[in-house]
């Protein structure tokens, strides 16, 4: 065998194994972050029984979580770009463990509020951390699969937490034991990350995805010092932010209110309608598996996003009409998750393409804070609709939010395509 010099070296031996290890670890970490979204909500009935809280007070705990997570997410992107993603990941998982301990020993509302704040602080850096490590450590050919696993693990974290927390609380008769078990789970995940830390070192990434020679930011190009906040002037960043905001509004409506809305509209028992969220998340996870293959093979990602999200919107509109038989409405609402899952990896890849070189953490942190804002804003609005007896508004509103998300993705995709066309003459 002979070796020849090449400006694009072949992937080193064992790349598949290395990529799989990094993707698996990031998937585990991301699943843990979604698990801690649900640290307290499954325990609300137990907290009401012990402390006499009402749902407004308990809902404020969720708001505190997402406000701290949203603000922290936008700021943590800068920190990730400066000090690296791996130490921030360790800090985040440590915050989850402490949050579980504080919740398990809380003597009243202040202790639970502190636990919610600590969990929100831990959740804040996950998206800039995860996507920085994936973009730096995973080879381009498998990046779509990495995004797919990332999304699937988040859905599984959401699906697992209620069973884990409420199941332990019911089995032991102690919600405190459930919180302490949650803390132990975070500690185990942290130990795994420290043990496998070499696969998470974004400073040693083999796939920096550097710009091509002759383009801005490439070696040999004119060096122009850019302000760290300069990326905020890019319309693509705010369009991606708005995309996350609108699609999360739709998710929040389904996750929090689809079950009682179906109960009101179709007269189904709660034991049946409660399955819709689990079904939606599982269909979303299945869609992400397929979406990972699509994201790596399609140039115009906004096309995938448009088709998938509009199909989801149509299914939700049909459910909202009240024309379907009861079990058919449950099935359609659950299957709608397939479209959002299919669009997920393409969404993450589109943001990667829209991000300027060297600002990955900042862009993902800012863009994904739209997710936290969506949860904060949508919950009271859709809850008010349900309180007023407008159960169909849950599904109509979700569909409308998805259409607005599609519009944002379309404009981002057009901008990315225009930038690619402009770069071709420079590379020629």
Protein backbone atom coordinates (compact mmCIF):
# COMPACT_ATOMS: atom_id res chain seq x y z
CA UNK A 1 0.00 0.00 0.00
CA UNK A 2 1.18 3.51 -0.72
CA UNK A 3 0.14 6.81 0.76
CA UNK A 4 -0.42 10.04 -1.11
CA UNK A 5 -0.85 13.54 0.17
CA UNK A 6 -4.36 14.87 0.03
CA UNK A 7 -5.93 18.11 1.17
CA UNK A 8 -8.80 16.03 2.55
CA UNK A 9 -7.31 13.11 4.52
CA UNK A 10 -9.27 9.90 4.78
CA UNK A 11 -11.13 9.23 7.98
CA UNK A 12 -8.92 7.48 10.54
CA UNK A 13 -9.42 3.80 11.29
CA UNK A 14 -12.09 3.15 13.84
CA UNK A 15 -14.06 6.29 12.96
CA UNK A 16 -17.38 4.41 12.99
CA UNK A 17 -16.71 3.14 16.50
CA UNK A 18 -15.55 6.56 17.67
CA UNK A 19 -18.57 8.29 16.16
CA UNK A 20 -20.96 5.75 17.68
CA UNK A 21 -19.40 6.21 21.12
CA UNK A 22 -19.68 9.99 21.00
CA UNK A 23 -23.23 9.89 19.64
CA UNK A 24 -24.29 7.39 22.30
CA UNK A 25 -22.82 9.44 25.14
CA UNK A 26 -24.42 12.66 23.92
CA UNK A 27 -27.72 10.82 23.52
CA UNK A 28 -27.53 9.63 27.13
CA UNK A 29 -26.70 13.12 28.37
CA UNK A 30 -29.50 14.72 26.36
CA UNK A 31 -32.01 12.14 27.57
CA UNK A 32 -30.99 13.04 31.12
CA UNK A 33 -31.68 16.72 30.48
CA UNK A 34 -35.20 15.98 29.24
CA UNK A 35 -35.71 13.65 32.19
CA UNK A 36 -35.02 16.56 34.54
CA UNK A 37 -37.59 18.71 32.73
CA UNK A 38 -40.00 16.35 34.47
CA UNK A 39 -38.33 16.06 37.89
CA UNK A 40 -41.25 17.68 39.75
CA UNK A 41 -44.41 17.62 37.54
CA UNK A 42 -45.08 13.85 37.96
CA UNK A 43 -44.96 14.42 41.73
CA UNK A 44 -47.51 17.26 41.83
CA UNK A 45 -50.31 15.09 43.32
CA UNK A 46 -47.94 13.98 46.11
CA UNK A 47 -46.83 17.57 46.77
CA UNK A 48 -50.45 18.73 46.94
CA UNK A 49 -51.23 16.00 49.44
CA UNK A 50 -48.30 16.88 51.70
CA UNK A 51 -48.11 20.67 51.45
CA UNK A 52 -51.57 21.70 50.22
CA UNK A 53 -50.23 23.60 47.19
CA UNK A 54 -52.53 24.49 44.28
CA UNK A 55 -51.72 23.96 40.61
CA UNK A 56 -50.95 27.64 40.04
CA UNK A 57 -48.20 27.49 42.65
CA UNK A 58 -46.84 24.26 41.24
CA UNK A 59 -47.05 25.62 37.70
CA UNK A 60 -44.81 28.49 38.78
CA UNK A 61 -42.10 25.93 39.58
CA UNK A 62 -42.18 24.86 35.91
CA UNK A 63 -42.03 28.49 34.77
CA UNK A 64 -38.97 29.12 36.96
CA UNK A 65 -37.26 26.09 35.43
CA UNK A 66 -37.78 27.28 31.84
CA UNK A 67 -37.04 30.96 32.49
CA UNK A 68 -33.65 30.10 34.03
CA UNK A 69 -33.01 27.49 31.36
CA UNK A 70 -33.90 29.89 28.53
CA UNK A 71 -31.80 32.81 29.74
CA UNK A 72 -28.96 30.49 30.70
CA UNK A 73 -29.06 28.71 27.37
CA UNK A 74 -28.47 31.90 25.41
CA UNK A 75 -25.58 32.87 27.70
CA UNK A 76 -24.02 29.43 27.99
CA UNK A 77 -23.34 29.30 24.26
CA UNK A 78 -20.69 32.00 24.73
CA UNK A 79 -19.16 30.07 27.59
CA UNK A 80 -19.04 26.86 25.55
CA UNK A 81 -17.25 28.66 22.70
CA UNK A 82 -14.73 30.08 25.20
CA UNK A 83 -13.89 27.19 27.56
CA UNK A 84 -15.13 24.15 25.64
CA UNK A 85 -18.23 21.97 25.90
CA UNK A 86 -16.99 19.08 28.05
CA UNK A 87 -16.48 20.89 31.40
CA UNK A 88 -19.85 22.61 30.98
CA UNK A 89 -21.47 19.21 30.45
CA UNK A 90 -19.99 17.96 33.72
CA UNK A 91 -21.27 21.07 35.52
CA UNK A 92 -24.78 20.60 34.08
CA UNK A 93 -25.07 16.98 35.22
CA UNK A 94 -23.75 17.95 38.66
CA UNK A 95 -26.49 20.59 38.87
CA UNK A 96 -29.11 17.92 38.16
CA UNK A 97 -27.76 15.72 40.95
CA UNK A 98 -27.85 18.63 43.40
CA UNK A 99 -31.37 19.57 42.24
CA UNK A 100 -32.58 16.06 43.05
CA UNK A 101 -30.99 16.19 46.49
CA UNK A 102 -32.50 19.61 47.25
CA UNK A 103 -35.95 18.48 46.08
CA UNK A 104 -35.74 15.30 48.15
CA UNK A 105 -34.95 17.23 51.32
CA UNK A 106 -37.23 20.25 50.70
CA UNK A 107 -39.36 21.31 53.66
CA UNK A 108 -41.62 23.67 51.76
CA UNK A 109 -42.18 25.81 48.69
CA UNK A 110 -38.83 27.62 48.91
CA UNK A 111 -36.91 24.35 48.78
CA UNK A 112 -38.87 23.14 45.77
CA UNK A 113 -38.32 26.49 44.05
CA UNK A 114 -34.57 26.15 44.64
CA UNK A 115 -34.66 22.64 43.19
CA UNK A 116 -36.49 23.89 40.09
CA UNK A 117 -33.96 26.70 39.68
CA UNK A 118 -31.00 24.30 39.97
CA UNK A 119 -32.57 21.91 37.46
CA UNK A 120 -33.12 24.83 35.06
CA UNK A 121 -29.50 25.90 35.52
CA UNK A 122 -28.38 22.36 34.68
CA UNK A 123 -30.62 22.21 31.62
CA UNK A 124 -29.45 25.57 30.25
CA UNK A 125 -26.18 24.57 28.52
CA UNK A 126 -27.24 21.24 27.04
CA UNK A 127 -28.02 22.23 23.46
CA UNK A 128 -24.89 24.33 22.86
CA UNK A 129 -22.85 21.61 24.60
CA UNK A 130 -24.40 18.71 22.72
CA UNK A 131 -24.27 20.23 19.27
CA UNK A 132 -20.76 21.60 19.71
CA UNK A 133 -19.48 18.12 20.62
CA UNK A 134 -21.42 16.44 17.82
CA UNK A 135 -20.22 18.95 15.23
CA UNK A 136 -16.61 18.67 16.37
CA UNK A 137 -16.37 14.93 17.12
CA UNK A 138 -18.66 13.19 14.61
CA UNK A 139 -17.70 12.75 10.97
CA UNK A 140 -19.89 14.69 8.50
CA UNK A 141 -21.30 11.53 6.92
CA UNK A 142 -22.78 10.44 10.26
CA UNK A 143 -23.78 13.82 11.62
CA UNK A 144 -27.40 13.43 10.55
CA UNK A 145 -27.57 10.17 12.51
CA UNK A 146 -26.05 11.96 15.50
CA UNK A 147 -28.78 14.60 15.36
CA UNK A 148 -31.37 11.83 15.03
CA UNK A 149 -30.13 9.99 18.14
CA UNK A 150 -29.98 13.31 19.98
CA UNK A 151 -33.64 13.99 19.27
CA UNK A 152 -34.76 10.43 20.02
CA UNK A 153 -33.02 10.44 23.38
CA UNK A 154 -34.79 13.66 24.35
CA UNK A 155 -38.18 12.13 23.58
CA UNK A 156 -37.27 9.01 25.55
CA UNK A 157 -36.18 11.16 28.50
CA UNK A 158 -39.58 12.87 28.50
CA UNK A 159 -41.35 9.51 28.26
CA UNK A 160 -39.27 7.86 31.00
CA UNK A 161 -39.44 10.53 33.71
CA UNK A 162 -43.14 10.24 34.64
CA UNK A 163 -42.90 6.44 34.90
CA UNK A 164 -39.68 6.62 36.93
CA UNK A 165 -40.66 9.41 39.32
CA UNK A 166 -44.31 8.60 39.89
CA UNK A 167 -43.60 4.85 39.89
CA UNK A 168 -41.00 5.10 42.64
CA UNK A 169 -43.14 7.51 44.65
CA UNK A 170 -46.14 5.16 44.42
CA UNK A 171 -44.10 2.02 45.16
CA UNK A 172 -42.32 3.47 48.18
CA UNK A 173 -45.02 5.86 49.37
CA UNK A 174 -42.43 8.66 49.37
CA UNK A 175 -41.98 11.37 46.76
CA UNK A 176 -38.72 12.26 48.50
CA UNK A 177 -37.31 8.84 47.67
CA UNK A 178 -38.20 9.43 44.02
CA UNK A 179 -36.28 12.74 44.01
CA UNK A 180 -33.25 11.14 45.66
CA UNK A 181 -33.35 8.34 43.07
CA UNK A 182 -33.40 11.04 40.38
CA UNK A 183 -30.28 12.56 41.96
CA UNK A 184 -28.61 9.14 41.95
CA UNK A 185 -29.47 8.70 38.28
CA UNK A 186 -27.81 12.03 37.41
CA UNK A 187 -24.72 11.01 39.42
CA UNK A 188 -24.46 7.72 37.51
CA UNK A 189 -24.72 9.51 34.16
CA UNK A 190 -22.07 12.02 35.28
CA UNK A 191 -19.75 9.15 36.28
CA UNK A 192 -20.17 7.59 32.83
CA UNK A 193 -19.35 10.88 31.12
CA UNK A 194 -16.20 11.36 33.21
CA UNK A 195 -15.13 7.77 32.53
CA UNK A 196 -15.61 8.22 28.77
CA UNK A 197 -14.43 11.84 28.71
CA UNK A 198 -11.97 11.34 25.84
CA UNK A 199 -14.90 10.80 23.43
CA UNK A 200 -16.40 14.15 24.52
CA UNK A 201 -13.34 16.38 24.13
CA UNK A 202 -14.45 18.98 21.59
CA UNK A 203 -10.98 20.59 21.70
CA UNK A 204 -9.57 17.44 20.06
CA UNK A 205 -12.28 17.06 17.40
CA UNK A 206 -11.16 15.58 14.09
CA UNK A 207 -14.05 17.14 12.19
CA UNK A 208 -13.76 20.89 12.71
CA UNK A 209 -15.74 21.50 9.46
CA UNK A 210 -13.48 24.40 8.67
CA UNK A 211 -14.41 26.70 5.78
CA UNK A 212 -12.84 25.99 2.41
CA UNK A 213 -9.75 27.91 1.34
CA UNK A 214 -10.67 31.22 -0.15
CA UNK A 215 -13.78 31.72 1.94
CA UNK A 216 -14.19 33.98 4.91
CA UNK A 217 -12.56 32.58 8.00
CA UNK A 218 -10.37 30.14 6.08
CA UNK A 219 -6.58 29.98 6.50
CA UNK A 220 -4.98 32.47 4.20
CA UNK A 221 -8.06 34.66 4.00
CA UNK A 222 -7.91 38.19 5.27
CA UNK A 223 -8.32 38.04 9.06
CA UNK A 224 -10.97 40.38 10.30
CA UNK A 225 -11.60 40.60 14.03
CA UNK A 226 -15.29 40.08 14.68
CA UNK A 227 -17.19 41.04 17.79
CA UNK A 228 -18.47 37.99 19.76
CA UNK A 229 -22.01 39.38 19.45
CA UNK A 230 -21.79 39.93 15.70
CA UNK A 231 -23.74 36.75 14.98
CA UNK A 232 -26.82 38.38 16.54
CA UNK A 233 -27.04 40.63 13.46
CA UNK A 234 -27.66 37.62 11.23
CA UNK A 235 -31.34 37.28 10.25
CA UNK A 236 -30.87 33.50 10.00
CA UNK A 237 -30.18 33.28 13.75
CA UNK A 238 -33.45 35.00 14.68
CA UNK A 239 -35.41 33.07 12.07
CA UNK A 240 -34.09 29.83 13.58
CA UNK A 241 -35.04 31.18 17.01
CA UNK A 242 -38.56 31.90 15.81
CA UNK A 243 -38.75 28.43 14.25
CA UNK A 244 -38.00 26.85 17.62
CA UNK A 245 -40.41 29.15 19.39
CA UNK A 246 -43.38 28.27 17.17
CA UNK A 247 -42.73 24.54 16.98
CA UNK A 248 -42.27 24.38 20.76
CA UNK A 249 -45.56 26.20 21.27
CA UNK A 250 -47.19 23.36 19.34
CA UNK A 251 -45.30 20.73 21.35
CA UNK A 252 -46.23 22.39 24.65
CA UNK A 253 -49.91 22.32 23.74
CA UNK A 254 -49.86 18.62 22.89
CA UNK A 255 -47.63 17.63 25.79
CA UNK A 256 -49.61 19.48 28.46
CA UNK A 257 -53.19 19.68 27.20
CA UNK A 258 -53.94 17.13 24.47
CA UNK A 259 -55.16 14.55 26.97
CA UNK A 260 -57.76 16.73 28.77
CA UNK A 261 -58.76 18.31 25.43
CA UNK A 262 -59.54 14.90 23.94
CA UNK A 263 -61.41 14.02 27.10
CA UNK A 264 -63.61 17.11 26.76
CA UNK A 265 -64.18 16.80 23.02
CA UNK A 266 -64.70 13.07 22.63
CA UNK A 267 -65.86 11.98 26.10
CA UNK A 268 -63.05 9.45 26.43
CA UNK A 269 -61.79 8.29 29.83
CA UNK A 270 -58.56 9.84 31.11
CA UNK A 271 -56.92 6.40 31.15
CA UNK A 272 -57.25 6.36 27.35
CA UNK A 273 -56.44 9.99 26.53
CA UNK A 274 -53.35 9.98 28.74
CA UNK A 275 -51.78 7.57 26.23
CA UNK A 276 -51.74 10.23 23.52
CA UNK A 277 -48.62 12.03 24.81
CA UNK A 278 -46.68 8.77 25.14
CA UNK A 279 -47.81 7.80 21.64
CA UNK A 280 -46.85 11.21 20.24
CA UNK A 281 -43.37 10.98 21.75
CA UNK A 282 -42.80 7.39 20.61
CA UNK A 283 -43.95 8.23 17.07
CA UNK A 284 -41.64 11.24 17.18
CA UNK A 285 -38.74 8.99 18.18
CA UNK A 286 -39.51 6.61 15.30
CA UNK A 287 -39.65 9.55 12.89
CA UNK A 288 -36.25 10.77 14.04
CA UNK A 289 -34.67 7.44 13.10
CA UNK A 290 -35.78 7.91 9.50
CA UNK A 291 -35.14 11.65 9.63
CA UNK A 292 -31.48 11.03 10.41
CA UNK A 293 -31.04 9.31 7.03
CA UNK A 294 -32.93 12.07 5.20
CA UNK A 295 -30.93 14.89 6.79
CA UNK A 296 -27.65 13.46 5.50
CA UNK A 297 -28.87 13.01 1.93
CA UNK A 298 -31.01 16.05 1.09
CA UNK A 299 -29.62 19.43 0.08
CA UNK A 300 -32.71 21.57 0.70
CA UNK A 301 -33.58 20.61 4.27
CA UNK A 302 -36.39 23.13 4.53
CA UNK A 303 -38.32 20.98 2.03
CA UNK A 304 -38.33 18.03 4.46
CA UNK A 305 -39.30 20.29 7.33
CA UNK A 306 -42.16 21.83 5.35
CA UNK A 307 -43.71 18.54 4.22
CA UNK A 308 -43.40 16.86 7.62
CA UNK A 309 -44.68 19.71 9.75
CA UNK A 310 -47.56 20.52 7.41
CA UNK A 311 -48.60 16.86 7.49
CA UNK A 312 -48.55 17.03 11.28
CA UNK A 313 -50.61 20.19 11.17
CA UNK A 314 -53.25 18.56 8.95
CA UNK A 315 -53.60 15.62 11.36
CA UNK A 316 -54.01 17.98 14.32
CA UNK A 317 -56.60 20.02 12.43
CA UNK A 318 -58.61 16.85 11.77
CA UNK A 319 -58.49 15.99 15.47
CA UNK A 320 -59.64 19.51 16.34
CA UNK A 321 -62.71 19.32 14.10
CA UNK A 322 -64.32 16.71 16.32
CA UNK A 323 -65.37 14.73 13.23
CA UNK A 324 -63.30 11.64 14.04
CA UNK A 325 -64.38 8.71 16.19
CA UNK A 326 -62.89 8.90 19.69
CA UNK A 327 -60.14 6.31 19.32
CA UNK A 328 -59.41 7.60 15.82
CA UNK A 329 -58.74 11.04 17.28
CA UNK A 330 -56.33 9.55 19.83
CA UNK A 331 -54.55 7.63 17.05
CA UNK A 332 -54.30 10.67 14.73
CA UNK A 333 -52.96 12.88 17.53
CA UNK A 334 -50.31 10.28 18.40
CA UNK A 335 -49.32 9.66 14.76
CA UNK A 336 -48.86 13.41 14.30
CA UNK A 337 -45.64 13.01 16.31
CA UNK A 338 -44.17 11.11 13.36
CA UNK A 339 -44.00 14.28 11.27
CA UNK A 340 -42.27 16.33 13.95
CA UNK A 341 -39.79 13.49 14.47
CA UNK A 342 -38.98 13.25 10.77
CA UNK A 343 -38.33 17.00 10.66
CA UNK A 344 -36.12 17.06 13.79
CA UNK A 345 -32.70 16.05 12.37
CA UNK A 346 -33.21 18.27 9.30
CA UNK A 347 -34.01 21.16 11.63
CA UNK A 348 -30.76 20.69 13.55
CA UNK A 349 -28.72 20.30 10.35
CA UNK A 350 -30.29 23.46 8.91
CA UNK A 351 -29.20 25.44 11.98
CA UNK A 352 -25.68 24.05 11.62
CA UNK A 353 -25.55 25.27 8.01
CA UNK A 354 -26.87 28.68 9.00
CA UNK A 355 -24.31 29.15 11.82
CA UNK A 356 -21.17 31.17 10.96
CA UNK A 357 -17.80 29.44 11.55
CA UNK A 358 -16.55 29.62 15.14
CA UNK A 359 -19.91 30.54 16.66
CA UNK A 360 -21.53 27.12 16.97
CA UNK A 361 -22.12 27.26 20.72
CA UNK A 362 -23.42 30.83 20.66
CA UNK A 363 -25.81 30.16 17.79
CA UNK A 364 -27.21 26.93 19.24
CA UNK A 365 -27.55 28.54 22.65
CA UNK A 366 -29.48 31.51 21.27
CA UNK A 367 -31.61 29.48 18.88
CA UNK A 368 -32.54 26.81 21.41
CA UNK A 369 -33.55 29.40 23.99
CA UNK A 370 -36.58 29.79 21.70
CA UNK A 371 -37.58 26.32 22.92
CA UNK A 372 -37.65 27.48 26.55
CA UNK A 373 -39.55 30.64 25.63
CA UNK A 374 -42.08 28.57 23.71
CA UNK A 375 -42.78 26.40 26.76
CA UNK A 376 -43.10 29.48 29.01
CA UNK A 377 -45.48 31.39 26.73
CA UNK A 378 -47.62 28.59 25.32
CA UNK A 379 -48.63 26.84 28.55
CA UNK A 380 -50.73 29.67 30.05
CA UNK A 381 -52.29 30.55 26.67
CA UNK A 382 -53.39 27.03 25.81
CA UNK A 383 -54.37 26.42 29.43
CA UNK A 384 -56.68 29.45 29.27
CA UNK A 385 -58.28 28.07 26.11
CA UNK A 386 -59.00 24.81 27.89
CA UNK A 387 -60.39 26.61 30.96
CA UNK A 388 -62.83 28.43 28.66
CA UNK A 389 -64.06 25.18 27.13
CA UNK A 390 -62.33 25.75 23.77
CA UNK A 391 -60.73 22.31 23.66
CA UNK A 392 -60.56 22.37 19.85
CA UNK A 393 -58.30 25.42 20.16
CA UNK A 394 -55.52 23.18 21.50
CA UNK A 395 -55.29 21.41 18.15
CA UNK A 396 -56.07 24.39 15.92
CA UNK A 397 -53.52 26.50 17.78
CA UNK A 398 -50.87 23.78 17.50
CA UNK A 399 -51.44 23.50 13.76
CA UNK A 400 -51.21 27.29 13.33
CA UNK A 401 -47.95 27.40 15.29
CA UNK A 402 -46.48 24.69 13.06
CA UNK A 403 -47.37 26.69 9.93
CA UNK A 404 -45.54 29.71 11.34
CA UNK A 405 -42.57 27.45 12.09
CA UNK A 406 -42.59 26.21 8.50
CA UNK A 407 -42.49 29.79 7.24
CA UNK A 408 -39.43 30.55 9.39
CA UNK A 409 -37.63 27.41 8.20
CA UNK A 410 -38.36 28.25 4.57
CA UNK A 411 -36.76 31.68 4.84
CA UNK A 412 -33.70 30.23 6.64
CA UNK A 413 -33.29 27.55 3.96
CA UNK A 414 -33.51 30.12 1.18
CA UNK A 415 -30.80 32.18 2.85
CA UNK A 416 -28.51 29.16 3.27
CA UNK A 417 -28.99 28.22 -0.40
CA UNK A 418 -28.24 31.78 -1.54
CA UNK A 419 -25.05 31.83 0.54
CA UNK A 420 -23.95 28.51 -0.94
CA UNK A 421 -24.50 29.82 -4.49
CA UNK A 422 -22.50 32.96 -3.70
CA UNK A 423 -19.61 30.87 -2.31
CA UNK A 424 -19.21 28.68 -5.43
CA UNK A 425 -17.49 31.34 -7.62
CA UNK A 426 -15.06 32.07 -4.77
CA UNK A 427 -14.13 28.38 -4.45
CA UNK A 428 -13.74 27.93 -8.19
